[in-house]
């Protein structure tokens, strides 16, 4: 079958098949060969391709959220038991900052402005 081009002449249509009539012997068992040489699950977990979880895929998002919340709770528990800065100064682990609170505040404001100007 031929179609007409813009000028009105006939243009031949290429009707050759996309795949060859005779299959290539190397491609015949390509899926089987790839499946035989695919990496095992542990290797994919080590490369962060698969999650380390053995939970069902529908539960993995909830499992990640639970782990995140558990880490947050653990950190909050540890922070609540840390010693006060006054105790660390008394023990000699921290040095007292000779600046007044106003000077510290002004320096913090200047640093924040510098961050915003440089980063924005």
Protein backbone atom coordinates (compact mmCIF):
# COMPACT_ATOMS: atom_id res chain seq x y z
CA UNK A 1 0.00 0.00 0.00
CA UNK A 2 1.27 3.46 -0.76
CA UNK A 3 0.39 6.84 0.67
CA UNK A 4 0.51 10.18 -1.02
CA UNK A 5 3.08 12.68 0.16
CA UNK A 6 2.53 16.43 0.37
CA UNK A 7 3.47 16.93 -3.30
CA UNK A 8 0.91 14.31 -4.35
CA UNK A 9 3.39 11.55 -5.30
CA UNK A 10 3.22 8.01 -3.99
CA UNK A 11 5.53 7.15 -1.07
CA UNK A 12 6.28 3.47 -0.42
CA UNK A 13 5.57 2.19 3.11
CA UNK A 14 8.16 -0.01 4.77
CA UNK A 15 6.33 -3.16 5.82
CA UNK A 16 9.34 -5.27 6.83
CA UNK A 17 8.90 -7.02 10.18
CA UNK A 18 10.62 -5.52 13.20
CA UNK A 19 12.00 -8.84 14.38
CA UNK A 20 13.81 -11.19 12.00
CA UNK A 21 12.00 -14.27 10.73
CA UNK A 22 14.68 -16.58 12.03
CA UNK A 23 15.42 -16.01 15.72
CA UNK A 24 19.04 -15.53 16.71
CA UNK A 25 20.23 -18.59 18.67
CA UNK A 26 22.09 -16.38 21.15
CA UNK A 27 18.88 -14.52 22.00
CA UNK A 28 16.76 -17.64 22.19
CA UNK A 29 17.59 -18.38 25.83
CA UNK A 30 18.62 -14.88 26.90
CA UNK A 31 16.00 -14.65 29.68
CA UNK A 32 17.04 -18.01 31.06
CA UNK A 33 20.71 -16.98 30.96
CA UNK A 34 20.01 -13.68 32.72
CA UNK A 35 17.98 -15.42 35.42
CA UNK A 36 20.78 -17.90 36.03
CA UNK A 37 23.30 -15.08 36.54
CA UNK A 38 21.21 -12.60 38.48
CA UNK A 39 22.59 -11.49 41.87
CA UNK A 40 21.21 -13.01 45.04
CA UNK A 41 19.04 -11.08 47.48
CA UNK A 42 21.84 -10.39 49.99
CA UNK A 43 23.99 -8.74 47.31
CA UNK A 44 21.07 -6.50 46.29
CA UNK A 45 20.48 -5.54 49.94
CA UNK A 46 24.18 -4.64 50.33
CA UNK A 47 23.93 -2.38 47.26
CA UNK A 48 20.75 -0.75 48.69
CA UNK A 49 18.69 -1.93 45.73
CA UNK A 50 16.37 -4.00 47.93
CA UNK A 51 15.36 -3.10 51.50
CA UNK A 52 16.85 -5.23 54.28
CA UNK A 53 13.35 -5.87 55.61
CA UNK A 54 11.66 -9.20 55.11
CA UNK A 55 8.23 -7.62 55.71
CA UNK A 56 5.59 -7.59 53.02
CA UNK A 57 6.01 -4.67 50.57
CA UNK A 58 2.75 -3.13 51.77
CA UNK A 59 4.09 -2.97 55.33
CA UNK A 60 7.60 -1.69 54.60
CA UNK A 61 6.62 1.99 54.65
CA UNK A 62 5.00 1.55 58.06
CA UNK A 63 8.05 -0.35 59.27
CA UNK A 64 10.35 2.50 58.17
CA UNK A 65 8.13 5.03 59.97
CA UNK A 66 8.17 2.91 63.12
CA UNK A 67 11.98 2.62 63.03
CA UNK A 68 12.26 6.39 62.56
CA UNK A 69 9.99 7.04 65.55
CA UNK A 70 11.91 4.52 67.67
CA UNK A 71 15.21 6.30 66.86
CA UNK A 72 13.66 9.65 67.78
CA UNK A 73 12.39 8.25 71.09
CA UNK A 74 15.80 6.76 71.86
CA UNK A 75 17.57 10.06 71.14
CA UNK A 76 15.06 12.02 73.24
CA UNK A 77 15.62 9.60 76.12
CA UNK A 78 19.40 10.01 75.91
CA UNK A 79 19.13 13.81 75.65
CA UNK A 80 16.88 13.96 78.72
CA UNK A 81 19.58 12.19 80.79
CA UNK A 82 22.55 14.27 79.71
CA UNK A 83 24.13 16.53 82.32
CA UNK A 84 23.46 20.25 82.44
CA UNK A 85 26.12 22.62 81.08
CA UNK A 86 26.73 23.94 84.62
CA UNK A 87 27.66 20.43 85.80
CA UNK A 88 30.05 20.01 82.87
CA UNK A 89 31.69 23.36 83.63
CA UNK A 90 32.01 22.34 87.30
CA UNK A 91 33.64 19.03 86.29
CA UNK A 92 36.05 20.87 83.98
CA UNK A 93 34.71 19.32 80.78
CA UNK A 94 33.43 22.65 79.43
CA UNK A 95 34.86 26.13 79.68
CA UNK A 96 32.59 28.99 80.52
CA UNK A 97 32.02 31.41 77.67
CA UNK A 98 33.15 34.87 78.80
CA UNK A 99 30.71 36.63 76.43
CA UNK A 100 27.46 38.05 77.73
CA UNK A 101 24.14 36.63 76.47
CA UNK A 102 23.60 39.80 74.42
CA UNK A 103 26.95 39.36 72.65
CA UNK A 104 26.16 35.71 71.92
CA UNK A 105 22.75 36.71 70.52
CA UNK A 106 24.24 39.41 68.28
CA UNK A 107 26.82 36.97 66.93
CA UNK A 108 24.13 34.37 66.24
CA UNK A 109 22.06 36.97 64.36
CA UNK A 110 25.06 38.01 62.27
CA UNK A 111 25.82 34.36 61.41
CA UNK A 112 22.19 33.79 60.40
CA UNK A 113 22.21 36.85 58.12
CA UNK A 114 25.48 35.69 56.56
CA UNK A 115 23.99 32.23 55.90
CA UNK A 116 20.89 33.72 54.28
CA UNK A 117 22.83 36.16 52.11
CA UNK A 118 25.32 33.53 50.98
CA UNK A 119 22.83 30.71 50.53
CA UNK A 120 19.84 32.55 49.06
